[in-house]
Amino acid sequence: MDLSNWLKALGSSADKLNILFISIDPQRDTPAQLREFLSSFDPHIHGLTGTNEQIAAVATEFRVYYKRVDERDGSYTMDHTGAIYLMDKTGHFVAPLSFQTEDSVAIERLRSLATS
């Protein structure tokens, strides 16, 4: 919800950003399930999933930690990095945003990307 609120604060500048939510759990996060999940958030946020191999490649590229944790009842959870990676228009890493970032700082960083 933080990201949705930050995007709302940007107004029309948010239209200039490409926001991707990349799943690390393709067994549960089908395209339909991602669409439903993301319908609760800002419409600028688009969901991506893929095969286990594709997700592993992206995770390696961005140095994202994730691991399936099996529960005793047969279910599982996913332990993972929780961060937002800010990238410029050419795909180069600019800075991370954590979910503990102050709203004013996060909004300014996003606004800066939208106007660059």
PDB file of N, CA and C in Angstrom:
ATOM      1  N   MET A   1       0.819  -1.195   0.000  1.00  0.00           N
ATOM      2  CA  MET A   1       0.000   0.000   0.000  1.00  0.00           C
ATOM      3  C   MET A   1       0.861   1.255   0.000  1.00  0.00           C
ATOM      4  N   ASP A   2       2.062   1.176   0.597  1.00  0.00           N
ATOM      5  CA  ASP A   2       2.938   2.350   0.589  1.00  0.00           C
ATOM      6  C   ASP A   2       3.192   2.819  -0.837  1.00  0.00           C
ATOM      7  N   LEU A   3       3.571   1.890  -1.699  1.00  0.00           N
ATOM      8  CA  LEU A   3       3.864   2.261  -3.085  1.00  0.00           C
ATOM      9  C   LEU A   3       2.630   2.851  -3.755  1.00  0.00           C
ATOM     10  N   SER A   4       1.478   2.278  -3.537  1.00  0.00           N
ATOM     11  CA  SER A   4       0.248   2.825  -4.117  1.00  0.00           C
ATOM     12  C   SER A   4       0.016   4.254  -3.650  1.00  0.00           C
ATOM     13  N   ASN A   5       0.228   4.505  -2.370  1.00  0.00           N
ATOM     14  CA  ASN A   5       0.053   5.858  -1.838  1.00  0.00           C
ATOM     15  C   ASN A   5       1.075   6.821  -2.425  1.00  0.00           C
ATOM     16  N   TRP A   6       2.307   6.364  -2.586  1.00  0.00           N
ATOM     17  CA  TRP A   6       3.343   7.214  -3.172  1.00  0.00           C
ATOM     18  C   TRP A   6       2.994   7.561  -4.618  1.00  0.00           C
ATOM     19  N   LEU A   7       2.510   6.575  -5.367  1.00  0.00           N
ATOM     20  CA  LEU A   7       2.145   6.822  -6.755  1.00  0.00           C
ATOM     21  C   LEU A   7       0.968   7.790  -6.850  1.00  0.00           C
ATOM     22  N   LYS A   8       0.013   7.649  -5.964  1.00  0.00           N
ATOM     23  CA  LYS A   8      -1.131   8.563  -5.945  1.00  0.00           C
ATOM     24  C   LYS A   8      -0.657   9.997  -5.694  1.00  0.00           C
ATOM     25  N   ALA A   9       0.300  10.154  -4.798  1.00  0.00           N
ATOM     26  CA  ALA A   9       0.828  11.483  -4.487  1.00  0.00           C
ATOM     27  C   ALA A   9       1.533  12.112  -5.691  1.00  0.00           C
ATOM     28  N   LEU A  10       2.031  11.293  -6.605  1.00  0.00           N
ATOM     29  CA  LEU A  10       2.703  11.816  -7.796  1.00  0.00           C
ATOM     30  C   LEU A  10       1.726  12.388  -8.812  1.00  0.00           C
ATOM     31  N   GLY A  11       0.474  12.015  -8.717  1.00  0.00           N
ATOM     32  CA  GLY A  11      -0.495  12.475  -9.702  1.00  0.00           C
ATOM     33  C   GLY A  11      -0.142  11.956 -11.082  1.00  0.00           C
ATOM     34  N   SER A  12      -0.269  12.820 -12.094  1.00  0.00           N
ATOM     35  CA  SER A  12      -0.038  12.397 -13.481  1.00  0.00           C
ATOM     36  C   SER A  12       1.422  12.034 -13.753  1.00  0.00           C
ATOM     37  N   SER A  13       2.343  12.451 -12.897  1.00  0.00           N
ATOM     38  CA  SER A  13       3.749  12.060 -13.079  1.00  0.00           C
ATOM     39  C   SER A  13       3.933  10.555 -12.974  1.00  0.00           C
ATOM     40  N   ALA A  14       3.049   9.877 -12.254  1.00  0.00           N
ATOM     41  CA  ALA A  14       3.146   8.414 -12.128  1.00  0.00           C
ATOM     42  C   ALA A  14       2.980   7.725 -13.478  1.00  0.00           C
ATOM     43  N   ASP A  15       2.303   8.392 -14.427  1.00  0.00           N
ATOM     44  CA  ASP A  15       2.120   7.814 -15.765  1.00  0.00           C
ATOM     45  C   ASP A  15       3.442   7.613 -16.487  1.00  0.00           C
ATOM     46  N   LYS A  16       4.476   8.308 -16.060  1.00  0.00           N
ATOM     47  CA  LYS A  16       5.778   8.226 -16.721  1.00  0.00           C
ATOM     48  C   LYS A  16       6.646   7.104 -16.173  1.00  0.00           C
ATOM     49  N   LEU A  17       6.147   6.395 -15.162  1.00  0.00           N
ATOM     50  CA  LEU A  17       6.904   5.314 -14.538  1.00  0.00           C
ATOM     51  C   LEU A  17       6.378   3.963 -14.997  1.00  0.00           C
ATOM     52  N   ASN A  18       7.252   2.992 -15.061  1.00  0.00           N
ATOM     53  CA  ASN A  18       6.885   1.615 -15.382  1.00  0.00           C
ATOM     54  C   ASN A  18       7.125   0.793 -14.116  1.00  0.00           C
ATOM     55  N   ILE A  19       6.060   0.439 -13.408  1.00  0.00           N
ATOM     56  CA  ILE A  19       6.161  -0.232 -12.116  1.00  0.00           C
ATOM     57  C   ILE A  19       5.881  -1.715 -12.309  1.00  0.00           C
ATOM     58  N   LEU A  20       6.831  -2.556 -11.930  1.00  0.00           N
ATOM     59  CA  LEU A  20       6.682  -3.999 -12.085  1.00  0.00           C
ATOM     60  C   LEU A  20       6.744  -4.694 -10.731  1.00  0.00           C
ATOM     61  N   PHE A  21       5.807  -5.575 -10.498  1.00  0.00           N
ATOM     62  CA  PHE A  21       5.799  -6.469  -9.343  1.00  0.00           C
ATOM     63  C   PHE A  21       6.139  -7.837  -9.901  1.00  0.00           C
ATOM     64  N   ILE A  22       7.279  -8.385  -9.503  1.00  0.00           N
ATOM     65  CA  ILE A  22       7.713  -9.672 -10.044  1.00  0.00           C
ATOM     66  C   ILE A  22       7.535 -10.746  -8.985  1.00  0.00           C
ATOM     67  N   SER A  23       6.728 -11.734  -9.304  1.00  0.00           N
ATOM     68  CA  SER A  23       6.462 -12.836  -8.388  1.00  0.00           C
ATOM     69  C   SER A  23       7.676 -13.750  -8.272  1.00  0.00           C
ATOM     70  N   ILE A  24       7.866 -14.325  -7.095  1.00  0.00           N
ATOM     71  CA  ILE A  24       8.912 -15.332  -6.903  1.00  0.00           C
ATOM     72  C   ILE A  24       8.272 -16.697  -6.630  1.00  0.00           C
ATOM     73  N   ASP A  25       6.964 -16.796  -6.868  1.00  0.00           N
ATOM     74  CA  ASP A  25       6.229 -18.031  -6.579  1.00  0.00           C
ATOM     75  C   ASP A  25       5.290 -18.382  -7.741  1.00  0.00           C
ATOM     76  N   PRO A  26       5.841 -18.895  -8.840  1.00  0.00           N
ATOM     77  CA  PRO A  26       4.996 -19.155 -10.006  1.00  0.00           C
ATOM     78  C   PRO A  26       3.959 -20.265  -9.798  1.00  0.00           C
ATOM     79  N   GLN A  27       4.163 -21.119  -8.797  1.00  0.00           N
ATOM     80  CA  GLN A  27       3.179 -22.166  -8.550  1.00  0.00           C
ATOM     81  C   GLN A  27       1.845 -21.570  -8.103  1.00  0.00           C
ATOM     82  N   ARG A  28       1.902 -20.523  -7.295  1.00  0.00           N
ATOM     83  CA  ARG A  28       0.668 -19.898  -6.812  1.00  0.00           C
ATOM     84  C   ARG A  28       0.311 -18.624  -7.564  1.00  0.00           C
ATOM     85  N   ASP A  29       1.302 -17.923  -8.053  1.00  0.00           N
ATOM     86  CA  ASP A  29       1.055 -16.627  -8.678  1.00  0.00           C
ATOM     87  C   ASP A  29       0.906 -16.759 -10.186  1.00  0.00           C
ATOM     88  N   THR A  30      -0.221 -17.273 -10.602  1.00  0.00           N
ATOM     89  CA  THR A  30      -0.523 -17.333 -12.022  1.00  0.00           C
ATOM     90  C   THR A  30      -0.845 -15.918 -12.500  1.00  0.00           C
ATOM     91  N   PRO A  31      -0.836 -15.681 -13.799  1.00  0.00           N
ATOM     92  CA  PRO A  31      -1.214 -14.346 -14.282  1.00  0.00           C
ATOM     93  C   PRO A  31      -2.587 -13.898 -13.763  1.00  0.00           C
ATOM     94  N   ALA A  32      -3.548 -14.801 -13.718  1.00  0.00           N
ATOM     95  CA  ALA A  32      -4.884 -14.438 -13.220  1.00  0.00           C
ATOM     96  C   ALA A  32      -4.843 -14.081 -11.739  1.00  0.00           C
ATOM     97  N   GLN A  33      -4.096 -14.837 -10.961  1.00  0.00           N
ATOM     98  CA  GLN A  33      -3.999 -14.543  -9.529  1.00  0.00           C
ATOM     99  C   GLN A  33      -3.251 -13.235  -9.279  1.00  0.00           C
ATOM    100  N   LEU A  34      -2.221 -12.967 -10.056  1.00  0.00           N
ATOM    101  CA  LEU A  34      -1.504 -11.695  -9.924  1.00  0.00           C
ATOM    102  C   LEU A  34      -2.425 -10.526 -10.266  1.00  0.00           C
ATOM    103  N   ARG A  35      -3.183 -10.666 -11.333  1.00  0.00           N
ATOM    104  CA  ARG A  35      -4.124  -9.622 -11.742  1.00  0.00           C
ATOM    105  C   ARG A  35      -5.109  -9.331 -10.615  1.00  0.00           C
ATOM    106  N   GLU A  36      -5.648 -10.389 -10.001  1.00  0.00           N
ATOM    107  CA  GLU A  36      -6.597 -10.215  -8.902  1.00  0.00           C
ATOM    108  C   GLU A  36      -5.917  -9.559  -7.693  1.00  0.00           C
ATOM    109  N   PHE A  37      -4.738 -10.047  -7.326  1.00  0.00           N
ATOM    110  CA  PHE A  37      -4.002  -9.493  -6.187  1.00  0.00           C
ATOM    111  C   PHE A  37      -3.701  -8.016  -6.402  1.00  0.00           C
ATOM    112  N   LEU A  38      -3.196  -7.686  -7.588  1.00  0.00           N
ATOM    113  CA  LEU A  38      -2.787  -6.314  -7.848  1.00  0.00           C
ATOM    114  C   LEU A  38      -3.960  -5.368  -8.066  1.00  0.00           C
ATOM    115  N   SER A  39      -5.156  -5.896  -8.226  1.00  0.00           N
ATOM    116  CA  SER A  39      -6.334  -5.026  -8.390  1.00  0.00           C
ATOM    117  C   SER A  39      -6.604  -4.204  -7.132  1.00  0.00           C
ATOM    118  N   SER A  40      -6.013  -4.585  -6.018  1.00  0.00           N
ATOM    119  CA  SER A  40      -6.165  -3.842  -4.764  1.00  0.00           C
ATOM    120  C   SER A  40      -5.177  -2.679  -4.658  1.00  0.00           C
ATOM    121  N   PHE A  41      -4.266  -2.570  -5.610  1.00  0.00           N
ATOM    122  CA  PHE A  41      -3.213  -1.574  -5.553  1.00  0.00           C
ATOM    123  C   PHE A  41      -3.341  -0.590  -6.710  1.00  0.00           C
ATOM    124  N   ASP A  42      -2.449   0.371  -6.765  1.00  0.00           N
ATOM    125  CA  ASP A  42      -2.458   1.375  -7.820  1.00  0.00           C
ATOM    126  C   ASP A  42      -2.388   0.699  -9.190  1.00  0.00           C
ATOM    127  N   PRO A  43      -3.185   1.164 -10.148  1.00  0.00           N
ATOM    128  CA  PRO A  43      -3.200   0.518 -11.470  1.00  0.00           C
ATOM    129  C   PRO A  43      -1.907   0.670 -12.268  1.00  0.00           C
ATOM    130  N   HIS A  44      -0.986   1.503 -11.812  1.00  0.00           N
ATOM    131  CA  HIS A  44       0.308   1.616 -12.486  1.00  0.00           C
ATOM    132  C   HIS A  44       1.193   0.400 -12.226  1.00  0.00           C
ATOM    133  N   ILE A  45       0.854  -0.415 -11.248  1.00  0.00           N
ATOM    134  CA  ILE A  45       1.679  -1.564 -10.878  1.00  0.00           C
ATOM    135  C   ILE A  45       1.252  -2.780 -11.705  1.00  0.00           C
ATOM    136  N   HIS A  46       2.186  -3.308 -12.471  1.00  0.00           N
ATOM    137  CA  HIS A  46       1.927  -4.451 -13.348  1.00  0.00           C
ATOM    138  C   HIS A  46       2.641  -5.686 -12.806  1.00  0.00           C
ATOM    139  N   GLY A  47       1.976  -6.834 -12.869  1.00  0.00           N
ATOM    140  CA  GLY A  47       2.537  -8.070 -12.347  1.00  0.00           C
ATOM    141  C   GLY A  47       3.209  -8.907 -13.408  1.00  0.00           C
ATOM    142  N   LEU A  48       4.319  -9.515 -13.039  1.00  0.00           N
ATOM    143  CA  LEU A  48       5.037 -10.442 -13.913  1.00  0.00           C
ATOM    144  C   LEU A  48       5.314 -11.730 -13.163  1.00  0.00           C
ATOM    145  N   THR A  49       5.250 -12.821 -13.883  1.00  0.00           N
ATOM    146  CA  THR A  49       5.645 -14.114 -13.364  1.00  0.00           C
ATOM    147  C   THR A  49       6.365 -14.848 -14.481  1.00  0.00           C
ATOM    148  N   GLY A  50       6.765 -16.055 -14.235  1.00  0.00           N
ATOM    149  CA  GLY A  50       7.467 -16.827 -15.250  1.00  0.00           C
ATOM    150  C   GLY A  50       7.729 -18.218 -14.739  1.00  0.00           C
ATOM    151  N   THR A  51       8.587 -18.903 -15.428  1.00  0.00           N
ATOM    152  CA  THR A  51       8.974 -20.240 -14.987  1.00  0.00           C
ATOM    153  C   THR A  51       9.926 -20.111 -13.803  1.00  0.00           C
ATOM    154  N   ASN A  52      10.147 -21.218 -13.116  1.00  0.00           N
ATOM    155  CA  ASN A  52      11.125 -21.211 -12.026  1.00  0.00           C
ATOM    156  C   ASN A  52      12.489 -20.732 -12.517  1.00  0.00           C
ATOM    157  N   GLU A  53      12.870 -21.157 -13.704  1.00  0.00           N
ATOM    158  CA  GLU A  53      14.171 -20.783 -14.257  1.00  0.00           C
ATOM    159  C   GLU A  53      14.233 -19.287 -14.563  1.00  0.00           C
ATOM    160  N   GLN A  54      13.168 -18.750 -15.140  1.00  0.00           N
ATOM    161  CA  GLN A  54      13.141 -17.320 -15.448  1.00  0.00           C
ATOM    162  C   GLN A  54      13.189 -16.478 -14.173  1.00  0.00           C
ATOM    163  N   ILE A  55      12.435 -16.894 -13.177  1.00  0.00           N
ATOM    164  CA  ILE A  55      12.428 -16.159 -11.905  1.00  0.00           C
ATOM    165  C   ILE A  55      13.794 -16.243 -11.237  1.00  0.00           C
ATOM    166  N   ALA A  56      14.418 -17.406 -11.268  1.00  0.00           N
ATOM    167  CA  ALA A  56      15.761 -17.554 -10.691  1.00  0.00           C
ATOM    168  C   ALA A  56      16.759 -16.641 -11.403  1.00  0.00           C
ATOM    169  N   ALA A  57      16.646 -16.526 -12.718  1.00  0.00           N
ATOM    170  CA  ALA A  57      17.561 -15.667 -13.476  1.00  0.00           C
ATOM    171  C   ALA A  57      17.380 -14.201 -13.087  1.00  0.00           C
ATOM    172  N   VAL A  58      16.142 -13.761 -12.965  1.00  0.00           N
ATOM    173  CA  VAL A  58      15.879 -12.368 -12.571  1.00  0.00           C
ATOM    174  C   VAL A  58      16.354 -12.135 -11.139  1.00  0.00           C
ATOM    175  N   ALA A  59      16.086 -13.080 -10.258  1.00  0.00           N
ATOM    176  CA  ALA A  59      16.515 -12.944  -8.865  1.00  0.00           C
ATOM    177  C   ALA A  59      18.036 -12.847  -8.770  1.00  0.00           C
ATOM    178  N   THR A  60      18.728 -13.642  -9.553  1.00  0.00           N
ATOM    179  CA  THR A  60      20.190 -13.585  -9.564  1.00  0.00           C
ATOM    180  C   THR A  60      20.660 -12.233 -10.086  1.00  0.00           C
ATOM    181  N   GLU A  61      20.066 -11.781 -11.164  1.00  0.00           N
ATOM    182  CA  GLU A  61      20.448 -10.496 -11.766  1.00  0.00           C
ATOM    183  C   GLU A  61      20.290  -9.334 -10.787  1.00  0.00           C
ATOM    184  N   PHE A  62      19.227  -9.368 -10.004  1.00  0.00           N
ATOM    185  CA  PHE A  62      18.947  -8.272  -9.076  1.00  0.00           C
ATOM    186  C   PHE A  62      19.363  -8.577  -7.643  1.00  0.00           C
ATOM    187  N   ARG A  63      20.038  -9.695  -7.459  1.00  0.00           N
ATOM    188  CA  ARG A  63      20.525 -10.111  -6.136  1.00  0.00           C
ATOM    189  C   ARG A  63      19.396 -10.167  -5.108  1.00  0.00           C
ATOM    190  N   VAL A  64      18.311 -10.800  -5.516  1.00  0.00           N
ATOM    191  CA  VAL A  64      17.148 -10.976  -4.646  1.00  0.00           C
ATOM    192  C   VAL A  64      17.228 -12.358  -4.001  1.00  0.00           C
ATOM    193  N   TYR A  65      17.049 -12.374  -2.706  1.00  0.00           N
ATOM    194  CA  TYR A  65      16.997 -13.633  -1.972  1.00  0.00           C
ATOM    195  C   TYR A  65      15.553 -14.114  -1.953  1.00  0.00           C
ATOM    196  N   TYR A  66      15.353 -15.402  -2.210  1.00  0.00           N
ATOM    197  CA  TYR A  66      14.036 -16.012  -1.981  1.00  0.00           C
ATOM    198  C   TYR A  66      14.216 -17.501  -1.743  1.00  0.00           C
ATOM    199  N   LYS A  67      13.316 -18.042  -0.951  1.00  0.00           N
ATOM    200  CA  LYS A  67      13.400 -19.460  -0.606  1.00  0.00           C
ATOM    201  C   LYS A  67      12.011 -19.954  -0.213  1.00  0.00           C
ATOM    202  N   ARG A  68      11.662 -21.104  -0.712  1.00  0.00           N
ATOM    203  CA  ARG A  68      10.420 -21.756  -0.308  1.00  0.00           C
ATOM    204  C   ARG A  68      10.629 -22.366   1.074  1.00  0.00           C
ATOM    205  N   VAL A  69       9.669 -22.147   1.964  1.00  0.00           N
ATOM    206  CA  VAL A  69       9.737 -22.687   3.321  1.00  0.00           C
ATOM    207  C   VAL A  69       8.518 -23.592   3.512  1.00  0.00           C
ATOM    208  N   ASP A  70       8.775 -24.888   3.572  1.00  0.00           N
ATOM    209  CA  ASP A  70       7.688 -25.849   3.736  1.00  0.00           C
ATOM    210  C   ASP A  70       7.195 -25.856   5.179  1.00  0.00           C
ATOM    211  N   GLU A  71       5.872 -25.887   5.321  1.00  0.00           N
ATOM    212  CA  GLU A  71       5.234 -25.925   6.635  1.00  0.00           C
ATOM    213  C   GLU A  71       4.878 -27.373   6.980  1.00  0.00           C
ATOM    214  N   ARG A  72       4.681 -27.642   8.239  1.00  0.00           N
ATOM    215  CA  ARG A  72       4.356 -29.016   8.694  1.00  0.00           C
ATOM    216  C   ARG A  72       3.033 -29.525   8.143  1.00  0.00           C
ATOM    217  N   ASP A  73       2.108 -28.626   7.847  1.00  0.00           N
ATOM    218  CA  ASP A  73       0.790 -29.041   7.358  1.00  0.00           C
ATOM    219  C   ASP A  73       0.756 -29.303   5.850  1.00  0.00           C
ATOM    220  N   GLY A  74       1.921 -29.201   5.194  1.00  0.00           N
ATOM    221  CA  GLY A  74       1.994 -29.450   3.755  1.00  0.00           C
ATOM    222  C   GLY A  74       1.933 -28.176   2.923  1.00  0.00           C
ATOM    223  N   SER A  75       1.568 -27.064   3.526  1.00  0.00           N
ATOM    224  CA  SER A  75       1.568 -25.791   2.801  1.00  0.00           C
ATOM    225  C   SER A  75       2.983 -25.223   2.809  1.00  0.00           C
ATOM    226  N   TYR A  76       3.142 -24.045   2.240  1.00  0.00           N
ATOM    227  CA  TYR A  76       4.452 -23.403   2.251  1.00  0.00           C
ATOM    228  C   TYR A  76       4.297 -21.891   2.221  1.00  0.00           C
ATOM    229  N   THR A  77       5.355 -21.232   2.631  1.00  0.00           N
ATOM    230  CA  THR A  77       5.449 -19.789   2.514  1.00  0.00           C
ATOM    231  C   THR A  77       6.713 -19.482   1.724  1.00  0.00           C
ATOM    232  N   MET A  78       6.850 -18.235   1.344  1.00  0.00           N
ATOM    233  CA  MET A  78       8.048 -17.810   0.623  1.00  0.00           C
ATOM    234  C   MET A  78       8.754 -16.738   1.435  1.00  0.00           C
ATOM    235  N   ASP A  79       9.997 -17.021   1.796  1.00  0.00           N
ATOM    236  CA  ASP A  79      10.845 -16.042   2.454  1.00  0.00           C
ATOM    237  C   ASP A  79      11.559 -15.291   1.333  1.00  0.00           C
ATOM    238  N   HIS A  80      11.616 -13.959   1.409  1.00  0.00           N
ATOM    239  CA  HIS A  80      12.204 -13.209   0.296  1.00  0.00           C
ATOM    240  C   HIS A  80      12.597 -11.793   0.682  1.00  0.00           C
ATOM    241  N   THR A  81      13.454 -11.232  -0.143  1.00  0.00           N
ATOM    242  CA  THR A  81      13.832  -9.835  -0.041  1.00  0.00           C
ATOM    243  C   THR A  81      12.584  -8.992  -0.263  1.00  0.00           C
ATOM    244  N   GLY A  82      12.458  -7.928   0.490  1.00  0.00           N
ATOM    245  CA  GLY A  82      11.350  -7.004   0.290  1.00  0.00           C
ATOM    246  C   GLY A  82      11.882  -5.620   0.022  1.00  0.00           C
ATOM    247  N   ALA A  83      12.023  -5.256  -1.243  1.00  0.00           N
ATOM    248  CA  ALA A  83      12.562  -3.950  -1.591  1.00  0.00           C
ATOM    249  C   ALA A  83      12.015  -3.516  -2.941  1.00  0.00           C
ATOM    250  N   ILE A  84      12.082  -2.242  -3.167  1.00  0.00           N
ATOM    251  CA  ILE A  84      11.734  -1.666  -4.455  1.00  0.00           C
ATOM    252  C   ILE A  84      13.040  -1.194  -5.087  1.00  0.00           C
ATOM    253  N   TYR A  85      13.286  -1.620  -6.308  1.00  0.00           N
ATOM    254  CA  TYR A  85      14.490  -1.237  -7.025  1.00  0.00           C
ATOM    255  C   TYR A  85      14.122  -0.133  -8.010  1.00  0.00           C
ATOM    256  N   LEU A  86      14.742   1.022  -7.860  1.00  0.00           N
ATOM    257  CA  LEU A  86      14.514   2.130  -8.780  1.00  0.00           C
ATOM    258  C   LEU A  86      15.531   2.031  -9.909  1.00  0.00           C
ATOM    259  N   MET A  87      15.010   2.021 -11.129  1.00  0.00           N
ATOM    260  CA  MET A  87      15.847   1.894 -12.319  1.00  0.00           C
ATOM    261  C   MET A  87      15.587   3.101 -13.216  1.00  0.00           C
ATOM    262  N   ASP A  88      16.622   3.535 -13.940  1.00  0.00           N
ATOM    263  CA  ASP A  88      16.417   4.644 -14.864  1.00  0.00           C
ATOM    264  C   ASP A  88      15.833   4.135 -16.178  1.00  0.00           C
ATOM    265  N   LYS A  89      15.633   5.031 -17.122  1.00  0.00           N
ATOM    266  CA  LYS A  89      15.010   4.671 -18.404  1.00  0.00           C
ATOM    267  C   LYS A  89      15.830   3.680 -19.211  1.00  0.00           C
ATOM    268  N   THR A  90      17.116   3.610 -18.934  1.00  0.00           N
ATOM    269  CA  THR A  90      17.973   2.685 -19.674  1.00  0.00           C
ATOM    270  C   THR A  90      18.117   1.341 -18.971  1.00  0.00           C
ATOM    271  N   GLY A  91      17.435   1.185 -17.820  1.00  0.00           N
ATOM    272  CA  GLY A  91      17.478  -0.075 -17.097  1.00  0.00           C
ATOM    273  C   GLY A  91      18.607  -0.188 -16.095  1.00  0.00           C
ATOM    274  N   HIS A  92      19.278   0.910 -15.811  1.00  0.00           N
ATOM    275  CA  HIS A  92      20.368   0.885 -14.833  1.00  0.00           C
ATOM    276  C   HIS A  92      19.834   1.194 -13.442  1.00  0.00           C
ATOM    277  N   PHE A  93      20.365   0.484 -12.484  1.00  0.00           N
ATOM    278  CA  PHE A  93      19.981   0.649 -11.089  1.00  0.00           C
ATOM    279  C   PHE A  93      20.314   2.060 -10.616  1.00  0.00           C
ATOM    280  N   VAL A  94      19.349   2.683  -9.936  1.00  0.00           N
ATOM    281  CA  VAL A  94      19.535   4.027  -9.385  1.00  0.00           C
ATOM    282  C   VAL A  94      19.679   3.955  -7.870  1.00  0.00           C
ATOM    283  N   ALA A  95      18.693   3.328  -7.222  1.00  0.00           N
ATOM    284  CA  ALA A  95      18.701   3.250  -5.753  1.00  0.00           C
ATOM    285  C   ALA A  95      17.596   2.304  -5.311  1.00  0.00           C
ATOM    286  N   PRO A  96      17.721   1.784  -4.098  1.00  0.00           N
ATOM    287  CA  PRO A  96      16.614   0.985  -3.553  1.00  0.00           C
ATOM    288  C   PRO A  96      15.665   1.881  -2.766  1.00  0.00           C
ATOM    289  N   LEU A  97      14.455   1.414  -2.611  1.00  0.00           N
ATOM    290  CA  LEU A  97      13.492   2.029  -1.698  1.00  0.00           C
ATOM    291  C   LEU A  97      13.026   0.924  -0.776  1.00  0.00           C
ATOM    292  N   SER A  98      13.131   1.147   0.492  1.00  0.00           N
ATOM    293  CA  SER A  98      12.601   0.159   1.428  1.00  0.00           C
ATOM    294  C   SER A  98      11.206   0.599   1.835  1.00  0.00           C
ATOM    295  N   PHE A  99      10.483  -0.300   2.429  1.00  0.00           N
ATOM    296  CA  PHE A  99       9.130   0.037   2.865  1.00  0.00           C
ATOM    297  C   PHE A  99       9.143   0.860   4.151  1.00  0.00           C
ATOM    298  N   GLN A 100      10.328   1.093   4.693  1.00  0.00           N
ATOM    299  CA  GLN A 100      10.459   1.961   5.861  1.00  0.00           C
ATOM    300  C   GLN A 100      10.851   3.382   5.461  1.00  0.00           C
ATOM    301  N   THR A 101      11.022   3.621   4.159  1.00  0.00           N
ATOM    302  CA  THR A 101      11.383   4.947   3.680  1.00  0.00           C
ATOM    303  C   THR A 101      10.268   5.929   4.014  1.00  0.00           C
ATOM    304  N   GLU A 102      10.669   7.107   4.481  1.00  0.00           N
ATOM    305  CA  GLU A 102       9.677   8.142   4.777  1.00  0.00           C
ATOM    306  C   GLU A 102       8.939   8.512   3.500  1.00  0.00           C
ATOM    307  N   ASP A 103       7.651   8.766   3.627  1.00  0.00           N
ATOM    308  CA  ASP A 103       6.822   9.075   2.468  1.00  0.00           C
ATOM    309  C   ASP A 103       7.397  10.203   1.620  1.00  0.00           C
ATOM    310  N   SER A 104       7.794  11.292   2.246  1.00  0.00           N
ATOM    311  CA  SER A 104       8.292  12.446   1.483  1.00  0.00           C
ATOM    312  C   SER A 104       9.544  12.092   0.687  1.00  0.00           C
ATOM    313  N   VAL A 105      10.415  11.271   1.242  1.00  0.00           N
ATOM    314  CA  VAL A 105      11.639  10.858   0.556  1.00  0.00           C
ATOM    315  C   VAL A 105      11.295   9.948  -0.620  1.00  0.00           C
ATOM    316  N   ALA A 106      10.437   8.985  -0.393  1.00  0.00           N
ATOM    317  CA  ALA A 106      10.052   8.053  -1.457  1.00  0.00           C
ATOM    318  C   ALA A 106       9.370   8.788  -2.608  1.00  0.00           C
ATOM    319  N   ILE A 107       8.470   9.684  -2.288  1.00  0.00           N
ATOM    320  CA  ILE A 107       7.763  10.432  -3.329  1.00  0.00           C
ATOM    321  C   ILE A 107       8.738  11.278  -4.137  1.00  0.00           C
ATOM    322  N   GLU A 108       9.675  11.917  -3.472  1.00  0.00           N
ATOM    323  CA  GLU A 108      10.661  12.737  -4.188  1.00  0.00           C
ATOM    324  C   GLU A 108      11.538  11.884  -5.087  1.00  0.00           C
ATOM    325  N   ARG A 109      11.950  10.712  -4.634  1.00  0.00           N
ATOM    326  CA  ARG A 109      12.779   9.831  -5.472  1.00  0.00           C
ATOM    327  C   ARG A 109      11.996   9.361  -6.701  1.00  0.00           C
ATOM    328  N   LEU A 110      10.740   9.001  -6.500  1.00  0.00           N
ATOM    329  CA  LEU A 110       9.906   8.580  -7.631  1.00  0.00           C
ATOM    330  C   LEU A 110       9.655   9.743  -8.584  1.00  0.00           C
ATOM    331  N   ARG A 111       9.387  10.919  -8.044  1.00  0.00           N
ATOM    332  CA  ARG A 111       9.161  12.100  -8.883  1.00  0.00           C
ATOM    333  C   ARG A 111      10.416  12.410  -9.711  1.00  0.00           C
ATOM    334  N   SER A 112      11.568  12.263  -9.090  1.00  0.00           N
ATOM    335  CA  SER A 112      12.822  12.507  -9.794  1.00  0.00           C
ATOM    336  C   SER A 112      12.978  11.548 -10.977  1.00  0.00           C
ATOM    337  N   LEU A 113      12.630  10.291 -10.777  1.00  0.00           N
ATOM    338  CA  LEU A 113      12.700   9.316 -11.887  1.00  0.00           C
ATOM    339  C   LEU A 113      11.707   9.664 -12.983  1.00  0.00           C
ATOM    340  N   ALA A 114      10.515  10.097 -12.598  1.00  0.00           N
ATOM    341  CA  ALA A 114       9.475  10.408 -13.575  1.00  0.00           C
ATOM    342  C   ALA A 114       9.842  11.611 -14.440  1.00  0.00           C
ATOM    343  N   THR A 115      10.638  12.498 -13.890  1.00  0.00           N
ATOM    344  CA  THR A 115      10.973  13.714 -14.635  1.00  0.00           C
ATOM    345  C   THR A 115      12.349  13.663 -15.291  1.00  0.00           C
ATOM    346  N   SER A 116      13.046  12.553 -15.106  1.00  0.00           N
ATOM    347  CA  SER A 116      14.397  12.484 -15.719  1.00  0.00           C
ATOM    348  C   SER A 116      14.336  11.937 -17.124  1.00  0.00           C
TER     349      SER A 116
END
